[in-house]
Amino acid sequence: MTESIAKYLLENVALLFAEKRYSSFTHLEAISILGKSGNYTGAILGKLVRSGWLEKKTPDPYDKRKKLYRVRPLEETLFEIGRSEE
């Protein structure tokens, strides 16, 4: 289920979306886009995945450390938030 998020998280989603739209990106790419440290970026990505704003995939079954992220379709995300707050 998608949850409402704090303004600072929404700003990070906006930066990721502006750069990648709905294309997949890695943790290293997110560091570059957000201009933050690796630890901070990892924390942000984790919060966005848990709140339903990002999707996370592990494309290599032999190396679970490699992950790809993608911004979920914003229409779906906003629709889910609107329905959950009724």
C-alpha atoms as a PDB file:
ATOM      1  CA  MET A   1       0.000   0.000   0.000  1.00  0.00           C
ATOM      2  CA  THR A   2       1.225   3.475  -0.826  1.00  0.00           C
ATOM      3  CA  GLU A   3       1.567   6.021   1.968  1.00  0.00           C
ATOM      4  CA  SER A   4       1.776   9.798   2.060  1.00  0.00           C
ATOM      5  CA  ILE A   5       5.360  10.952   2.510  1.00  0.00           C
ATOM      6  CA  ALA A   6       7.159  13.905   4.048  1.00  0.00           C
ATOM      7  CA  LYS A   7       8.092  16.897   1.901  1.00  0.00           C
ATOM      8  CA  TYR A   8      11.822  16.043   1.874  1.00  0.00           C
ATOM      9  CA  LEU A   9      11.024  12.565   0.522  1.00  0.00           C
ATOM     10  CA  LEU A  10       8.693  14.005  -2.110  1.00  0.00           C
ATOM     11  CA  GLU A  11      11.473  16.372  -3.197  1.00  0.00           C
ATOM     12  CA  ASN A  12      13.793  13.387  -3.656  1.00  0.00           C
ATOM     13  CA  VAL A  13      11.166  11.509  -5.688  1.00  0.00           C
ATOM     14  CA  ALA A  14      10.796  14.610  -7.869  1.00  0.00           C
ATOM     15  CA  LEU A  15      14.563  14.739  -8.500  1.00  0.00           C
ATOM     16  CA  LEU A  16      14.688  11.046  -9.386  1.00  0.00           C
ATOM     17  CA  PHE A  17      11.625  11.347 -11.631  1.00  0.00           C
ATOM     18  CA  ALA A  18      12.975  14.440 -13.410  1.00  0.00           C
ATOM     19  CA  GLU A  19      16.172  12.605 -14.260  1.00  0.00           C
ATOM     20  CA  LYS A  20      14.993   9.040 -14.941  1.00  0.00           C
ATOM     21  CA  ARG A  21      11.195   9.245 -15.458  1.00  0.00           C
ATOM     22  CA  TYR A  22      10.114   5.587 -15.267  1.00  0.00           C
ATOM     23  CA  SER A  23      13.499   4.113 -16.242  1.00  0.00           C
ATOM     24  CA  SER A  24      15.377   1.922 -13.805  1.00  0.00           C
ATOM     25  CA  PHE A  25      18.368   3.267 -11.909  1.00  0.00           C
ATOM     26  CA  THR A  26      20.998   1.946  -9.526  1.00  0.00           C
ATOM     27  CA  HIS A  27      21.986   3.105  -6.064  1.00  0.00           C
ATOM     28  CA  LEU A  28      25.085   4.769  -7.552  1.00  0.00           C
ATOM     29  CA  GLU A  29      22.964   6.656 -10.079  1.00  0.00           C
ATOM     30  CA  ALA A  30      20.659   7.802  -7.272  1.00  0.00           C
ATOM     31  CA  ILE A  31      23.683   9.117  -5.337  1.00  0.00           C
ATOM     32  CA  SER A  32      24.656  11.173  -8.366  1.00  0.00           C
ATOM     33  CA  ILE A  33      21.111  12.442  -8.980  1.00  0.00           C
ATOM     34  CA  LEU A  34      20.411  13.372  -5.368  1.00  0.00           C
ATOM     35  CA  GLY A  35      23.918  14.666  -4.639  1.00  0.00           C
ATOM     36  CA  LYS A  36      23.950  13.008  -1.211  1.00  0.00           C
ATOM     37  CA  SER A  37      26.161  10.445   0.516  1.00  0.00           C
ATOM     38  CA  GLY A  38      25.709   6.741  -0.120  1.00  0.00           C
ATOM     39  CA  ASN A  39      24.331   6.089   3.367  1.00  0.00           C
ATOM     40  CA  TYR A  40      21.830   8.953   3.168  1.00  0.00           C
ATOM     41  CA  THR A  41      20.739   7.917  -0.333  1.00  0.00           C
ATOM     42  CA  GLY A  42      20.308   4.314   0.818  1.00  0.00           C
ATOM     43  CA  ALA A  43      18.110   5.454   3.692  1.00  0.00           C
ATOM     44  CA  ILE A  44      16.010   7.623   1.355  1.00  0.00           C
ATOM     45  CA  LEU A  45      15.593   4.817  -1.196  1.00  0.00           C
ATOM     46  CA  GLY A  46      14.566   2.406   1.570  1.00  0.00           C
ATOM     47  CA  LYS A  47      11.923   4.808   2.887  1.00  0.00           C
ATOM     48  CA  LEU A  48      10.568   5.403  -0.618  1.00  0.00           C
ATOM     49  CA  VAL A  49      10.358   1.664  -1.328  1.00  0.00           C
ATOM     50  CA  ARG A  50       8.618   0.958   2.002  1.00  0.00           C
ATOM     51  CA  SER A  51       6.129   3.769   1.444  1.00  0.00           C
ATOM     52  CA  GLY A  52       5.315   2.501  -2.072  1.00  0.00           C
ATOM     53  CA  TRP A  53       6.759   5.348  -4.168  1.00  0.00           C
ATOM     54  CA  LEU A  54       9.636   3.277  -5.641  1.00  0.00           C
ATOM     55  CA  GLU A  55       9.851  -0.292  -6.871  1.00  0.00           C
ATOM     56  CA  LYS A  56      12.953  -2.363  -6.156  1.00  0.00           C
ATOM     57  CA  LYS A  57      14.131  -5.318  -8.222  1.00  0.00           C
ATOM     58  CA  THR A  58      17.047  -7.708  -7.854  1.00  0.00           C
ATOM     59  CA  PRO A  59      17.748  -8.597 -11.498  1.00  0.00           C
ATOM     60  CA  ASP A  60      20.738 -10.873 -10.837  1.00  0.00           C
ATOM     61  CA  PRO A  61      19.645 -13.959  -8.874  1.00  0.00           C
ATOM     62  CA  TYR A  62      23.308 -14.738  -8.074  1.00  0.00           C
ATOM     63  CA  ASP A  63      24.128 -11.333  -6.601  1.00  0.00           C
ATOM     64  CA  LYS A  64      21.373 -10.028  -4.326  1.00  0.00           C
ATOM     65  CA  ARG A  65      23.437  -6.897  -3.542  1.00  0.00           C
ATOM     66  CA  LYS A  66      22.720  -5.431  -6.977  1.00  0.00           C
ATOM     67  CA  LYS A  67      19.371  -3.709  -7.021  1.00  0.00           C
ATOM     68  CA  LEU A  68      17.479  -1.623  -9.532  1.00  0.00           C
ATOM     69  CA  TYR A  69      14.980   1.014  -8.519  1.00  0.00           C
ATOM     70  CA  ARG A  70      12.186   2.650 -10.492  1.00  0.00           C
ATOM     71  CA  VAL A  71       9.679   5.380  -9.687  1.00  0.00           C
ATOM     72  CA  ARG A  72       6.224   3.829  -9.621  1.00  0.00           C
ATOM     73  CA  PRO A  73       3.692   5.340 -12.009  1.00  0.00           C
ATOM     74  CA  LEU A  74       2.629   8.540 -10.293  1.00  0.00           C
ATOM     75  CA  GLU A  75      -1.019   8.158 -11.332  1.00  0.00           C
ATOM     76  CA  GLU A  76      -1.218   4.808  -9.508  1.00  0.00           C
ATOM     77  CA  THR A  77       0.635   6.121  -6.473  1.00  0.00           C
ATOM     78  CA  LEU A  78      -1.596   9.174  -6.072  1.00  0.00           C
ATOM     79  CA  PHE A  79      -4.749   7.139  -6.729  1.00  0.00           C
ATOM     80  CA  GLU A  80      -3.790   4.685  -3.977  1.00  0.00           C
ATOM     81  CA  ILE A  81      -3.133   7.504  -1.512  1.00  0.00           C
ATOM     82  CA  GLY A  82      -6.458   9.131  -2.350  1.00  0.00           C
ATOM     83  CA  ARG A  83      -8.362   5.889  -1.847  1.00  0.00           C
ATOM     84  CA  SER A  84      -6.632   5.056   1.438  1.00  0.00           C
ATOM     85  CA  GLU A  85      -7.546   8.428   2.957  1.00  0.00           C
ATOM     86  CA  GLU A  86     -11.277   8.184   2.201  1.00  0.00           C
END
